[in-house]
Amino acid sequence: MAEADERRRLSTLDLVGLAAGGVVGSGWLMAAGSVYAEAGDGAVWAWVIGGALMLLIAAVMVELGIALPKTGGLIFLPLQAAGPLVATVVAAGLWIAYAVNPASEAVAMVHGLAFQFESLLEQEGGTYRLSGAGWLWAVVFMAAIVGLNLLPPRRLIRLNLFVTAVKVLIPVLIIVFLGTAAADTCRPGDVWHFSTLRESARSQAGTISPLYVVLGGSIIYAYIGFQAPLDFAGNVKRRGTGEAARLRWAVYGTLIGAFLLYTALQLVFVQHCGRPMTNMLDSPYAQFAMALSMTWLVWLVHVDALLSPMGSGIVFTHALTREVAALSRAHLTHRGLQTARRASFRFRGAEIDAYWMILLVNFVIGLGMLALARGRWEELVALNSVPTMVVYALPGVVLVALRPPGVRGARRRVHLALAYTAFIAIALVIHEARWADVWRGMAAVGIGAALLLGLPRLARLDLPFVGRLLRRYDARDHVSRFAAPGDPAVRPMLLFLAHLAVLVVCTFLREHLGDKDHAYDPLDVATLLIVTVSAAVVFPLMVRAARRYMASAPPTLPAPRPEPRPKSPVTEGT
C-alpha cells in the first residue's frame, strides 16, 4: 500500500513541470512591448524588480508549504490560522485569479492566430478586443483547456511535462538566435526603438518608475504560477530527496529560470525594436525573425503563441480543482464540490474520476470574467494580478502566527523577517499600480467574498425565486459571526479589509490628485508612507489576532515530516 501511494505522488520533475508550466504562459509573448512603452530603458529593471518580489513571496510560501505540507493549503492553512472569514477573502481572490487565467490564456491564443486571421480582433483605442469570431474561438480554447483536465491526473502531468519542455525551448531558441543575430547585424551607435513605441517610451522615461509597471505591465502576471507545486504540497514524493528539497527545487528553480528568460527576452526586444513592423497583430519576435529570414523560427514562435498559453491554462485549471475541493471540505462553498466524481466517459477502457463539477463551475466563472473584461487581454491580466497579490499577502501572516513545530531559533526569526518584508513589499507594489487595475481587482475580490459569505444565508431564507434556485446549495453560514460579540474570527478579517481599503484609497489619491509631471510628487511620497505604515502596523496585529483565534479554536494541522538524512555506510551494510 505504501509503495502504491509513493508511486502516485509527484516527483521533482512533475513539480518543475507544474511550476514552469504555470509561469511560462502568455506573459512573455505579449508583455515586452507594453513594458517597454511604459518603462522605456527601465523595462529590464521592471523584470528584475518583479523577479525579486516573486522570490521574496516564494520564500515565504515555500517555508510554509514545507513546514505544513497540505494539498489545497493556500485556503486550508489561512482557515486554520485566522478563521473562516479571512479564509473566505483568500478563497475569493484565489478562485478569481485561477479562474481568470484560462480565460486570459484563451484570449492570448486568439491573439496568436490573429496574425493570419485579422477578423478575430477589433481595435478599440490603443488595444484590441475580441470580435464575434474571436469570442467563439476563445470559448473553444477555454473548453479545450477544461476538457484536458478530465484526463487521469498522471496522464495530465505527463502531457504538461511535454508541453512545458516545448514551450520553454522555443523562447530559449529566440534568445540564442536573435541575440546572436543582433550582435552580428547591428552597428554600434544605432538607435533601436520599436517604431510605434518610440515616442511613448521617450516621453515617459524618467516619469514612470519600473515599479509602476510591475503589476500593471503584465510582469507580475508573467511570474504568477510558481506556486502550483505548493497547491499539491501534500502529494509530493517523500523518499530519496524528500518533500522539502523537491518543493524548493521546483519553485526556486522555476523562478530563477523565468527571471533569466524574461530579462533576456526583453533585452532581445530592445536590441531589435528598430526593425519595421509589418503586422501589429503578430508577435514582435516572429517579425524580428522574419526580418532576419529565419522562417523556421517564425513558425516556432507562432506554434508557441498557442502552446504556451494553453499549457499555463491547463496548470491553473488543474490546481484550482484542488483548492476549491479544500474550500468545499471546509464548508466555505457548496459541499458537493469536494469529491472527484465518476465521469460519464472512459479513457482507454476505464472510467475516470474527475472534479468535473468544479471544472464546470470554473468554466462558467471564466466566461463571466471574459465578458466583464470585454474580451481584452490587458483587463483580464489586471483581474488576475491584483487578486493574486491579495492571496500572496496571507501566507506570511499564517507562517508567523502558526509557529510550526520544529521551527525554532534562527529559522523562526528568518521566517518573521521574510514574512514581514513580503507583506510590506506587496502593499508597495499594489500602491504603485494603476488605479484602474487596482479597483477592478479589489472589486472582484470583494464581490467574490460577498458571494461566498452571502450564498449560504440566502439559501436558508425562504425567498420566492432565490430560495428555489439555491435550495441545494450546502455551505456553512458565517455571516452570523459578525453579530456575535467578541467572535475571534472577525478581528483578523476586519484588520485585513482595513489594510486593503487603505491601499485602494492611497492608490486613488496618487492616481487622481498626484502631480504626474514630476518624478517625486509630495502626495505620492505621502501615500507611499501611509501604505508602508499600514502594512507595518497591520501585519503584527493580524498575527496577534490569528493567535487569539487559534486559542479559541485549536487548528488541525498536517504533521510536518522530517528532512531525510543520508544513510551511513554501516546502516547500508546492515
Protein backbone atom coordinates (compact mmCIF):
# COMPACT_ATOMS: atom_id res chain seq x y z
CA MET A 1 0.00 0.00 0.00
CA ALA A 2 2.82 2.41 0.89
CA GLU A 3 4.62 1.61 -2.37
CA ALA A 4 1.49 2.35 -4.41
CA ASP A 5 0.94 5.60 -2.53
CA GLU A 6 4.53 6.69 -3.19
CA ARG A 7 4.21 5.97 -6.92
CA ARG A 8 1.13 8.19 -7.12
CA ARG A 9 2.99 11.09 -5.56
CA LEU A 10 4.67 13.87 -7.54
CA SER A 11 8.38 13.70 -8.36
CA THR A 12 10.75 16.66 -8.68
CA LEU A 13 10.28 16.62 -12.46
CA ASP A 14 6.49 16.64 -12.05
CA LEU A 15 6.71 19.63 -9.70
CA VAL A 16 9.05 21.54 -12.00
CA GLY A 17 6.63 20.85 -14.84
CA LEU A 18 3.76 22.30 -12.81
CA ALA A 19 5.73 25.38 -11.74
CA ALA A 20 7.29 26.14 -15.12
CA GLY A 21 4.08 25.20 -16.91
CA GLY A 22 2.17 27.74 -14.84
CA VAL A 23 4.74 30.52 -15.13
CA VAL A 24 5.60 30.36 -18.83
CA GLY A 25 2.31 31.36 -20.44
CA SER A 26 1.27 34.36 -22.49
CA GLY A 27 3.14 36.93 -20.38
CA TRP A 28 6.45 36.72 -22.26
CA LEU A 29 4.64 36.77 -25.61
CA MET A 30 2.59 39.92 -25.00
CA ALA A 31 4.31 41.91 -22.25
CA ALA A 32 7.62 43.06 -23.76
CA GLY A 33 6.13 45.78 -25.97
CA SER A 34 3.84 47.26 -23.32
CA VAL A 35 6.56 47.16 -20.65
CA TYR A 36 8.96 48.99 -22.99
CA ALA A 37 6.30 51.54 -23.93
CA GLU A 38 5.74 52.40 -20.26
CA ALA A 39 9.17 51.99 -18.71
CA GLY A 40 11.46 52.77 -21.66
CA ASP A 41 15.05 51.98 -20.78
CA GLY A 42 13.88 50.82 -17.35
CA ALA A 43 11.98 47.88 -18.86
CA VAL A 44 14.66 45.36 -17.90
CA TRP A 45 14.71 46.73 -14.35
CA ALA A 46 10.96 46.20 -14.14
CA TRP A 47 11.55 42.47 -14.78
CA VAL A 48 14.33 42.47 -12.18
CA ILE A 49 12.07 44.07 -9.56
CA GLY A 50 9.22 41.69 -10.37
CA GLY A 51 11.51 38.69 -10.12
CA ALA A 52 12.95 39.83 -6.79
CA LEU A 53 9.45 40.38 -5.39
CA MET A 54 8.32 36.94 -6.55
CA LEU A 55 11.40 35.30 -4.98
CA LEU A 56 10.63 37.01 -1.68
CA ILE A 57 6.99 35.90 -1.77
CA ALA A 58 8.00 32.42 -2.88
CA ALA A 59 10.42 32.07 0.03
CA VAL A 60 7.57 32.67 2.48
CA MET A 61 5.18 30.30 0.70
CA VAL A 62 7.79 27.56 0.31
CA GLU A 63 8.71 27.70 4.00
CA LEU A 64 5.01 27.42 4.90
CA GLY A 65 4.49 24.55 2.45
CA ILE A 66 7.50 22.68 3.80
CA ALA A 67 6.62 23.23 7.46
CA LEU A 68 2.96 22.27 6.96
CA PRO A 69 2.59 20.31 3.69
CA LYS A 70 -1.06 20.29 2.63
CA THR A 71 -2.71 19.98 -0.77
CA GLY A 72 -5.05 22.95 -1.06
CA GLY A 73 -3.02 24.67 1.65
CA LEU A 74 -3.43 28.19 0.27
CA ILE A 75 -7.01 28.04 1.58
CA PHE A 76 -6.76 25.39 4.31
CA LEU A 77 -3.92 26.98 6.29
CA PRO A 78 -5.42 30.53 6.50
CA LEU A 79 -8.65 28.85 7.59
CA GLN A 80 -6.88 27.08 10.43
CA ALA A 81 -4.79 30.08 11.45
CA ALA A 82 -7.18 33.04 11.15
CA GLY A 83 -10.66 31.60 10.79
CA PRO A 84 -13.29 31.20 8.08
CA LEU A 85 -13.84 34.91 7.40
CA VAL A 86 -10.26 35.64 6.37
CA ALA A 87 -10.14 32.30 4.56
CA THR A 88 -13.20 33.38 2.57
CA VAL A 89 -11.42 36.55 1.37
CA VAL A 90 -8.38 34.48 0.40
CA ALA A 91 -10.59 31.90 -1.31
CA ALA A 92 -12.36 34.60 -3.30
CA GLY A 93 -9.06 36.08 -4.50
CA LEU A 94 -7.61 32.68 -5.36
CA TRP A 95 -10.75 31.44 -7.12
CA ILE A 96 -10.97 34.59 -9.24
CA ALA A 97 -7.26 34.61 -10.13
CA TYR A 98 -7.16 30.92 -11.04
CA ALA A 99 -10.44 31.01 -12.98
CA VAL A 100 -9.43 34.15 -14.89
CA ASN A 101 -6.15 32.61 -16.02
CA PRO A 102 -7.66 30.14 -18.55
CA ALA A 103 -9.79 32.98 -19.92
CA SER A 104 -6.78 35.27 -20.35
CA GLU A 105 -4.75 32.46 -21.89
CA ALA A 106 -7.60 31.66 -24.31
CA VAL A 107 -7.65 35.31 -25.39
CA ALA A 108 -3.88 35.16 -25.84
CA MET A 109 -4.33 32.10 -28.05
CA VAL A 110 -6.77 34.08 -30.19
CA HIS A 111 -4.13 36.82 -30.45
CA GLY A 112 -1.72 34.10 -31.54
CA LEU A 113 -4.00 33.32 -34.50
CA ALA A 114 -4.80 36.93 -35.37
CA PHE A 115 -1.62 37.48 -37.39
CA GLN A 116 -3.21 35.23 -40.01
CA PHE A 117 -6.90 35.88 -39.29
CA GLU A 118 -7.23 39.58 -38.53
CA SER A 119 -11.02 39.34 -38.23
CA LEU A 120 -10.59 37.66 -34.82
CA LEU A 121 -9.74 41.01 -33.17
CA GLU A 122 -11.19 44.51 -33.24
CA GLN A 123 -9.17 47.62 -32.43
CA GLU A 124 -10.59 49.98 -29.83
CA GLY A 125 -8.41 52.85 -28.76
CA GLY A 126 -4.87 51.60 -28.34
CA THR A 127 -5.80 48.00 -27.56
CA TYR A 128 -7.51 45.06 -29.21
CA ARG A 129 -10.60 43.18 -28.11
CA LEU A 130 -12.23 40.02 -29.39
CA SER A 131 -14.56 40.20 -32.36
CA GLY A 132 -17.56 37.89 -32.68
CA ALA A 133 -15.42 35.21 -34.30
CA GLY A 134 -12.70 35.82 -31.70
CA TRP A 135 -15.20 35.23 -28.91
CA LEU A 136 -16.17 31.92 -30.44
CA TRP A 137 -12.57 30.77 -30.65
CA ALA A 138 -11.83 31.95 -27.10
CA VAL A 139 -14.71 29.84 -25.79
CA VAL A 140 -13.45 26.86 -27.80
CA PHE A 141 -9.94 27.26 -26.37
CA MET A 142 -11.30 27.56 -22.82
CA ALA A 143 -13.37 24.42 -23.34
CA ALA A 144 -10.28 22.60 -24.62
CA ILE A 145 -8.29 23.61 -21.52
CA VAL A 146 -11.09 22.41 -19.24
CA GLY A 147 -11.58 19.24 -21.27
CA LEU A 148 -7.94 18.24 -21.00
CA ASN A 149 -8.29 18.40 -17.21
CA LEU A 150 -10.70 15.47 -17.43
CA LEU A 151 -7.72 13.26 -18.23
CA PRO A 152 -6.43 11.00 -15.43
CA PRO A 153 -4.04 13.03 -13.24
CA ARG A 154 -0.91 11.07 -14.20
CA ARG A 155 -1.71 11.43 -17.90
CA LEU A 156 -2.30 15.14 -17.44
CA ILE A 157 1.01 15.58 -15.57
CA ARG A 158 2.90 13.81 -18.38
CA LEU A 159 1.16 15.88 -21.04
CA ASN A 160 2.05 19.03 -19.11
CA LEU A 161 5.70 17.97 -18.91
CA PHE A 162 5.89 17.59 -22.68
CA VAL A 163 4.10 20.88 -23.36
CA THR A 164 6.29 22.71 -20.82
CA ALA A 165 9.52 21.38 -22.34
CA VAL A 166 8.50 22.57 -25.80
CA LYS A 167 7.21 25.98 -24.75
CA VAL A 168 10.38 26.73 -22.74
CA LEU A 169 12.69 25.56 -25.51
CA ILE A 170 11.23 27.96 -28.09
CA PRO A 171 11.93 31.24 -26.18
CA VAL A 172 15.42 29.91 -25.44
CA LEU A 173 15.93 29.49 -29.19
CA ILE A 174 14.64 33.04 -29.70
CA ILE A 175 17.21 34.38 -27.26
CA VAL A 176 20.08 32.40 -28.76
CA PHE A 177 19.44 33.07 -32.44
CA LEU A 178 18.01 36.60 -32.31
CA GLY A 179 20.57 37.65 -29.72
CA THR A 180 23.41 36.36 -31.86
CA ALA A 181 21.95 37.99 -34.96
CA ALA A 182 21.72 41.34 -33.19
CA ALA A 183 25.39 41.19 -32.28
CA ASP A 184 26.31 40.41 -35.90
CA THR A 185 23.99 42.77 -37.76
CA CYS A 186 23.57 45.83 -35.55
CA ARG A 187 26.26 48.50 -35.61
CA PRO A 188 27.42 50.37 -32.51
CA GLY A 189 25.71 53.72 -32.23
CA ASP A 190 22.49 52.60 -33.89
CA VAL A 191 19.33 53.59 -32.04
CA TRP A 192 16.99 50.59 -31.74
CA HIS A 193 13.48 51.60 -30.86
CA PHE A 194 10.24 49.85 -31.65
CA SER A 195 8.87 52.35 -34.16
CA THR A 196 5.33 52.50 -32.76
CA LEU A 197 6.56 52.79 -29.18
CA ARG A 198 9.46 55.21 -29.58
CA GLU A 199 7.65 58.42 -28.66
CA SER A 200 5.74 56.82 -25.80
CA ALA A 201 8.86 55.39 -24.23
CA ARG A 202 10.85 58.60 -24.59
CA SER A 203 8.07 60.83 -23.30
CA GLN A 204 7.55 58.69 -20.22
CA ALA A 205 11.19 57.96 -19.47
CA GLY A 206 12.02 59.45 -16.12
CA THR A 207 8.38 59.97 -15.08
CA ILE A 208 7.26 56.33 -14.77
CA SER A 209 9.21 54.12 -12.41
CA PRO A 210 9.78 50.45 -13.22
CA LEU A 211 7.78 49.63 -10.09
CA TYR A 212 4.70 51.22 -11.69
CA VAL A 213 4.58 48.64 -14.47
CA VAL A 214 5.41 45.61 -12.31
CA LEU A 215 1.75 44.97 -11.53
CA GLY A 216 0.03 46.79 -14.39
CA GLY A 217 2.51 45.98 -17.13
CA SER A 218 1.89 42.21 -17.05
CA ILE A 219 5.14 41.47 -15.21
CA ILE A 220 3.56 40.00 -12.09
CA TYR A 221 1.19 38.13 -14.36
CA ALA A 222 4.16 36.60 -16.21
CA TYR A 223 5.71 35.33 -12.95
CA ILE A 224 2.47 34.04 -11.40
CA GLY A 225 2.18 30.28 -11.43
CA PHE A 226 5.28 29.32 -9.44
CA GLN A 227 3.02 28.29 -6.55
CA ALA A 228 1.47 25.37 -8.46
CA PRO A 229 3.70 22.79 -6.65
CA LEU A 230 2.57 24.28 -3.34
CA ASP A 231 -1.07 23.65 -4.32
CA PHE A 232 -0.08 19.96 -4.24
CA ALA A 233 2.32 20.12 -1.26
CA GLY A 234 0.60 17.15 0.40
CA ASN A 235 1.15 14.92 -2.63
CA VAL A 236 4.94 15.09 -3.03
CA LYS A 237 7.18 12.02 -3.01
CA ARG A 238 8.74 11.51 0.41
CA ARG A 239 11.58 9.09 -0.24
CA GLY A 240 15.02 9.92 -1.55
CA THR A 241 15.44 13.66 -1.89
CA GLY A 242 12.40 14.35 0.30
CA GLU A 243 9.46 16.71 0.07
CA ALA A 244 11.24 19.88 1.21
CA ALA A 245 14.08 19.65 -1.31
CA ARG A 246 11.69 18.81 -4.14
CA LEU A 247 9.49 21.82 -3.41
CA ARG A 248 12.49 24.13 -3.14
CA TRP A 249 14.00 22.89 -6.40
CA ALA A 250 10.71 23.26 -8.26
CA VAL A 251 9.75 26.73 -7.02
CA TYR A 252 13.13 28.45 -6.75
CA GLY A 253 14.48 26.80 -9.90
CA THR A 254 11.45 27.90 -11.90
CA LEU A 255 11.53 31.48 -10.66
CA ILE A 256 15.26 31.92 -11.26
CA GLY A 257 14.90 30.36 -14.70
CA ALA A 258 11.91 32.60 -15.50
CA PHE A 259 13.84 35.68 -14.36
CA LEU A 260 16.75 34.86 -16.67
CA LEU A 261 14.39 34.01 -19.53
CA TYR A 262 12.25 37.14 -19.27
CA THR A 263 15.10 39.61 -18.86
CA ALA A 264 16.92 38.06 -21.81
CA LEU A 265 13.78 38.26 -23.97
CA GLN A 266 13.32 41.92 -23.03
CA LEU A 267 16.93 42.63 -23.99
CA VAL A 268 16.36 40.90 -27.33
CA PHE A 269 13.27 43.06 -27.84
CA VAL A 270 15.19 46.27 -27.11
CA GLN A 271 18.02 45.24 -29.44
CA HIS A 272 15.67 44.62 -32.35
CA CYS A 273 12.89 47.14 -31.78
CA GLY A 274 14.13 49.48 -34.51
CA ARG A 275 13.13 46.98 -37.18
CA PRO A 276 9.98 47.88 -39.14
CA MET A 277 6.74 46.23 -38.10
CA THR A 278 4.60 44.92 -40.96
CA ASN A 279 1.79 43.37 -38.89
CA MET A 280 0.89 44.81 -35.48
CA LEU A 281 -1.17 41.69 -34.71
CA ASP A 282 1.86 39.43 -34.97
CA SER A 283 4.39 38.69 -32.25
CA PRO A 284 7.35 41.10 -32.37
CA TYR A 285 9.70 38.13 -32.03
CA ALA A 286 8.16 36.49 -35.10
CA GLN A 287 8.62 39.71 -37.05
CA PHE A 288 12.21 40.10 -35.89
CA ALA A 289 12.89 36.55 -37.07
CA MET A 290 11.17 37.22 -40.39
CA ALA A 291 13.32 40.32 -40.95
CA LEU A 292 16.37 38.09 -40.46
CA SER A 293 14.97 35.43 -42.83
CA MET A 294 14.66 32.87 -40.04
CA THR A 295 11.45 31.35 -41.34
CA TRP A 296 11.76 28.26 -39.17
CA LEU A 297 11.92 30.45 -36.03
CA VAL A 298 8.86 32.41 -37.19
CA TRP A 299 6.97 29.13 -37.41
CA LEU A 300 8.09 28.08 -33.91
CA VAL A 301 7.03 31.43 -32.41
CA HIS A 302 3.58 31.00 -33.95
CA VAL A 303 3.33 27.48 -32.52
CA ASP A 304 4.34 28.70 -29.07
CA ALA A 305 1.79 31.53 -29.27
CA LEU A 306 -0.81 28.76 -28.96
CA LEU A 307 1.06 26.15 -26.93
CA SER A 308 2.46 28.40 -24.21
CA PRO A 309 -0.86 29.98 -23.11
CA MET A 310 -2.66 26.64 -23.34
CA GLY A 311 -0.11 24.94 -21.07
CA SER A 312 -0.40 27.63 -18.41
CA GLY A 313 -4.19 27.45 -18.53
CA ILE A 314 -4.05 23.67 -18.02
CA VAL A 315 -1.87 24.03 -14.91
CA PHE A 316 -4.03 26.73 -13.30
CA THR A 317 -7.22 24.81 -14.03
CA HIS A 318 -5.73 21.63 -12.55
CA ALA A 319 -4.51 23.42 -9.42
CA LEU A 320 -7.82 25.20 -8.90
CA THR A 321 -9.71 21.91 -8.65
CA ARG A 322 -7.65 21.00 -5.56
CA GLU A 323 -8.01 24.42 -3.95
CA VAL A 324 -11.79 24.53 -4.49
CA ALA A 325 -12.04 20.97 -3.16
CA ALA A 326 -10.26 22.17 0.01
CA LEU A 327 -12.67 25.11 0.18
CA SER A 328 -15.61 22.74 -0.14
CA ARG A 329 -14.28 20.37 2.53
CA ALA A 330 -14.10 23.37 4.86
CA HIS A 331 -17.80 24.04 4.08
CA LEU A 332 -16.96 27.54 2.79
CA THR A 333 -18.67 26.73 -0.51
CA HIS A 334 -21.05 24.01 -1.73
CA ARG A 335 -20.07 20.70 -0.10
CA GLY A 336 -20.83 18.76 -3.27
CA LEU A 337 -17.66 20.13 -4.89
CA GLN A 338 -15.24 18.40 -2.54
CA THR A 339 -15.12 14.95 -4.16
CA ALA A 340 -14.00 13.75 -7.56
CA ARG A 341 -16.99 12.27 -9.35
CA ARG A 342 -17.10 9.43 -11.84
CA ALA A 343 -17.19 10.87 -15.35
CA SER A 344 -19.62 9.52 -17.91
CA PHE A 345 -16.90 8.53 -20.36
CA ARG A 346 -13.95 6.16 -20.41
CA PHE A 347 -10.25 6.69 -21.02
CA ARG A 348 -8.61 3.65 -22.63
CA GLY A 349 -11.44 1.43 -21.46
CA ALA A 350 -11.50 2.62 -17.84
CA GLU A 351 -13.87 5.07 -16.21
CA ILE A 352 -12.13 8.02 -14.63
CA ASP A 353 -12.81 10.15 -11.59
CA ALA A 354 -12.61 13.91 -12.13
CA TYR A 355 -13.62 17.11 -10.39
CA TRP A 356 -15.94 17.77 -13.31
CA MET A 357 -18.38 19.82 -11.24
CA ILE A 358 -15.57 22.18 -10.20
CA LEU A 359 -14.35 22.34 -13.80
CA LEU A 360 -17.84 23.26 -14.97
CA VAL A 361 -18.25 25.98 -12.33
CA ASN A 362 -14.81 27.40 -13.12
CA PHE A 363 -15.61 27.42 -16.84
CA VAL A 364 -18.74 29.48 -16.16
CA ILE A 365 -16.78 31.89 -13.92
CA GLY A 366 -14.12 32.25 -16.61
CA LEU A 367 -16.77 33.10 -19.20
CA GLY A 368 -18.21 35.72 -16.84
CA MET A 369 -14.79 37.30 -16.32
CA LEU A 370 -14.17 37.25 -20.07
CA ALA A 371 -17.42 39.18 -20.56
CA LEU A 372 -16.58 41.67 -17.78
CA ALA A 373 -13.20 42.33 -19.37
CA ARG A 374 -14.92 42.83 -22.75
CA GLY A 375 -12.58 40.32 -24.34
CA ARG A 376 -9.46 42.39 -23.60
CA TRP A 377 -6.32 40.59 -22.52
CA GLU A 378 -4.99 43.58 -20.56
CA GLU A 379 -8.10 43.79 -18.37
CA LEU A 380 -8.04 40.05 -17.73
CA VAL A 381 -4.41 40.38 -16.64
CA ALA A 382 -5.42 43.02 -14.08
CA LEU A 383 -8.26 40.81 -12.83
CA ASN A 384 -5.68 38.07 -12.34
CA SER A 385 -2.75 40.00 -10.87
CA VAL A 386 -4.41 42.09 -8.14
CA PRO A 387 -6.39 39.21 -6.53
CA THR A 388 -3.21 37.13 -6.67
CA MET A 389 -1.38 39.78 -4.65
CA VAL A 390 -4.18 39.65 -2.08
CA VAL A 391 -3.74 35.88 -1.82
CA TYR A 392 0.06 36.17 -1.59
CA ALA A 393 -0.20 38.57 1.36
CA LEU A 394 -1.67 35.99 3.77
CA PRO A 395 0.89 33.12 3.84
CA GLY A 396 3.36 35.31 5.75
CA VAL A 397 0.78 36.05 8.45
CA VAL A 398 -0.08 32.36 8.64
CA LEU A 399 3.57 31.26 8.81
CA VAL A 400 4.37 33.58 11.72
CA ALA A 401 1.09 33.03 13.57
CA LEU A 402 1.12 29.25 13.43
CA ARG A 403 4.70 28.85 14.68
CA PRO A 404 5.07 25.42 13.04
CA PRO A 405 6.51 22.73 15.31
CA GLY A 406 10.16 22.05 14.67
CA VAL A 407 10.85 25.64 13.60
CA ARG A 408 12.82 27.41 16.30
CA GLY A 409 15.59 29.88 16.92
CA ALA A 410 17.26 31.47 13.92
CA ARG A 411 14.93 29.81 11.41
CA ARG A 412 11.90 31.30 13.14
CA ARG A 413 13.50 34.75 13.07
CA VAL A 414 14.21 34.32 9.36
CA HIS A 415 10.56 33.39 8.82
CA LEU A 416 9.46 36.56 10.61
CA ALA A 417 11.82 38.77 8.58
CA LEU A 418 10.78 37.23 5.25
CA ALA A 419 7.06 37.36 6.03
CA TYR A 420 7.14 40.93 7.34
CA THR A 421 9.16 42.18 4.36
CA ALA A 422 6.95 40.38 1.83
CA PHE A 423 3.77 41.81 3.37
CA ILE A 424 5.13 45.36 3.09
CA ALA A 425 6.52 44.79 -0.42
CA ILE A 426 3.17 43.55 -1.71
CA ALA A 427 1.49 46.68 -0.34
CA LEU A 428 4.03 48.92 -2.09
CA VAL A 429 3.58 47.18 -5.44
CA ILE A 430 -0.20 47.50 -5.25
CA HIS A 431 0.17 51.18 -4.32
CA GLU A 432 2.32 51.83 -7.39
CA ALA A 433 -0.07 50.09 -9.80
CA ARG A 434 -2.68 51.76 -11.99
CA TRP A 435 -5.87 52.82 -10.27
CA ALA A 436 -7.99 51.11 -12.94
CA ASP A 437 -6.23 47.79 -12.31
CA VAL A 438 -6.44 48.08 -8.52
CA TRP A 439 -10.11 48.97 -8.23
CA ARG A 440 -11.18 46.27 -10.68
CA GLY A 441 -9.13 43.61 -8.92
CA MET A 442 -10.21 44.66 -5.43
CA ALA A 443 -13.85 44.91 -6.51
CA ALA A 444 -13.65 41.38 -7.90
CA VAL A 445 -12.27 40.09 -4.59
CA GLY A 446 -14.94 41.97 -2.64
CA ILE A 447 -17.80 40.66 -4.77
CA GLY A 448 -16.40 37.13 -4.65
CA ALA A 449 -16.08 37.20 -0.86
CA ALA A 450 -19.58 38.66 -0.51
CA LEU A 451 -20.99 35.83 -2.63
CA LEU A 452 -19.17 33.11 -0.69
CA LEU A 453 -20.38 34.60 2.59
CA GLY A 454 -23.87 35.52 1.43
CA LEU A 455 -24.98 32.48 -0.57
CA PRO A 456 -25.34 30.18 2.49
CA ARG A 457 -27.50 32.81 4.21
CA LEU A 458 -29.65 33.31 1.08
CA ALA A 459 -30.06 29.56 0.67
CA ARG A 460 -31.65 29.41 4.15
CA LEU A 461 -34.09 32.24 3.50
CA ASP A 462 -37.49 31.39 2.11
CA LEU A 463 -37.33 33.83 -0.79
CA PRO A 464 -39.64 33.34 -3.80
CA PHE A 465 -37.05 32.87 -6.53
CA VAL A 466 -33.62 32.83 -4.88
CA GLY A 467 -34.69 30.22 -2.33
CA ARG A 468 -35.68 27.74 -5.01
CA LEU A 469 -32.54 28.45 -7.02
CA LEU A 470 -30.25 27.85 -4.03
CA ARG A 471 -32.20 25.16 -2.19
CA ARG A 472 -29.46 22.59 -2.84
CA TYR A 473 -26.59 24.93 -2.00
CA ASP A 474 -24.96 23.44 1.09
CA ALA A 475 -22.34 25.54 2.86
CA ARG A 476 -21.86 26.82 6.39
CA ASP A 477 -23.24 30.26 7.23
CA HIS A 478 -20.53 32.50 8.70
CA VAL A 479 -22.27 35.87 8.30
CA SER A 480 -23.77 35.46 11.77
CA ARG A 481 -20.26 35.70 13.23
CA PHE A 482 -20.33 39.48 12.65
CA ALA A 483 -23.26 39.77 15.06
CA ALA A 484 -21.70 37.54 17.71
CA PRO A 485 -20.00 39.69 20.37
CA GLY A 486 -16.27 39.08 20.64
CA ASP A 487 -16.07 36.42 17.92
CA PRO A 488 -12.29 35.96 17.41
CA ALA A 489 -12.74 35.24 13.68
CA VAL A 490 -13.99 38.77 12.99
CA ARG A 491 -10.94 40.78 14.05
CA PRO A 492 -8.41 39.25 11.57
CA MET A 493 -10.81 39.89 8.70
CA LEU A 494 -11.54 43.49 9.73
CA LEU A 495 -7.82 44.21 10.01
CA PHE A 496 -7.14 42.75 6.59
CA LEU A 497 -10.04 44.58 4.96
CA ALA A 498 -8.97 47.86 6.58
CA HIS A 499 -5.48 47.40 5.17
CA LEU A 500 -6.85 46.67 1.69
CA ALA A 501 -9.05 49.77 1.97
CA VAL A 502 -6.01 51.91 2.77
CA LEU A 503 -4.27 50.54 -0.33
CA VAL A 504 -7.27 51.34 -2.53
CA VAL A 505 -7.70 54.88 -1.16
CA CYS A 506 -3.99 55.71 -1.43
CA THR A 507 -3.83 54.38 -4.98
CA PHE A 508 -6.84 56.53 -5.88
CA LEU A 509 -5.28 59.66 -4.36
CA ARG A 510 -1.95 59.08 -6.06
CA GLU A 511 -3.56 58.47 -9.46
CA HIS A 512 -6.12 61.31 -9.46
CA LEU A 513 -4.61 64.04 -7.30
CA GLY A 514 -0.91 63.48 -7.77
CA ASP A 515 1.40 65.56 -9.96
CA LYS A 516 2.33 63.28 -12.86
CA ASP A 517 4.76 65.82 -14.33
CA HIS A 518 7.33 65.33 -11.58
CA ALA A 519 9.17 62.18 -10.64
CA TYR A 520 8.89 62.90 -6.89
CA ASP A 521 5.41 64.12 -6.14
CA PRO A 522 4.80 65.04 -2.46
CA LEU A 523 1.40 63.33 -2.49
CA ASP A 524 2.96 60.19 -3.96
CA VAL A 525 5.56 60.16 -1.19
CA ALA A 526 2.89 60.75 1.47
CA THR A 527 0.63 57.94 0.25
CA LEU A 528 3.66 55.66 -0.04
CA LEU A 529 4.49 56.32 3.61
CA ILE A 530 0.88 55.71 4.65
CA VAL A 531 0.80 52.38 2.81
CA THR A 532 4.12 51.34 4.37
CA VAL A 533 2.97 52.24 7.87
CA SER A 534 -0.34 50.47 7.31
CA ALA A 535 1.42 47.25 6.29
CA ALA A 536 3.96 47.53 9.11
CA VAL A 537 1.21 48.02 11.72
CA VAL A 538 -1.41 45.61 10.38
CA PHE A 539 0.94 42.64 10.00
CA PRO A 540 1.73 42.16 13.73
CA LEU A 541 -1.88 42.97 14.64
CA MET A 542 -3.11 40.25 12.27
CA VAL A 543 -0.60 37.79 13.70
CA ARG A 544 -1.84 38.56 17.22
CA ALA A 545 -5.49 38.30 16.14
CA ALA A 546 -4.82 34.97 14.42
CA ARG A 547 -3.21 33.54 17.56
CA ARG A 548 -6.20 34.70 19.57
CA TYR A 549 -8.47 32.87 17.14
CA MET A 550 -6.37 29.68 17.41
CA ALA A 551 -6.56 29.89 21.20
CA SER A 552 -10.35 29.58 20.92
CA ALA A 553 -10.35 27.11 18.01
CA PRO A 554 -7.18 24.97 18.06
CA PRO A 555 -6.05 24.30 14.49
CA THR A 556 -5.95 20.88 12.86
CA LEU A 557 -2.65 20.87 11.01
CA PRO A 558 -0.78 18.34 8.87
CA ALA A 559 2.15 16.78 10.63
CA PRO A 560 5.47 18.09 9.31
CA ARG A 561 7.78 15.37 8.04
CA PRO A 562 11.48 15.49 8.91
CA GLU A 563 14.13 16.07 6.27
CA PRO A 564 15.66 12.81 5.01
CA ARG A 565 19.12 12.04 6.35
CA PRO A 566 21.76 10.30 4.26
CA LYS A 567 22.34 6.73 5.34
CA SER A 568 25.66 5.88 6.86
CA PRO A 569 27.79 3.10 5.29
CA VAL A 570 27.26 0.96 8.40
CA THR A 571 23.47 1.29 8.14
CA GLU A 572 23.53 0.47 4.45
CA GLY A 573 25.66 -2.61 5.08
CA THR A 574 23.25 -3.99 7.64
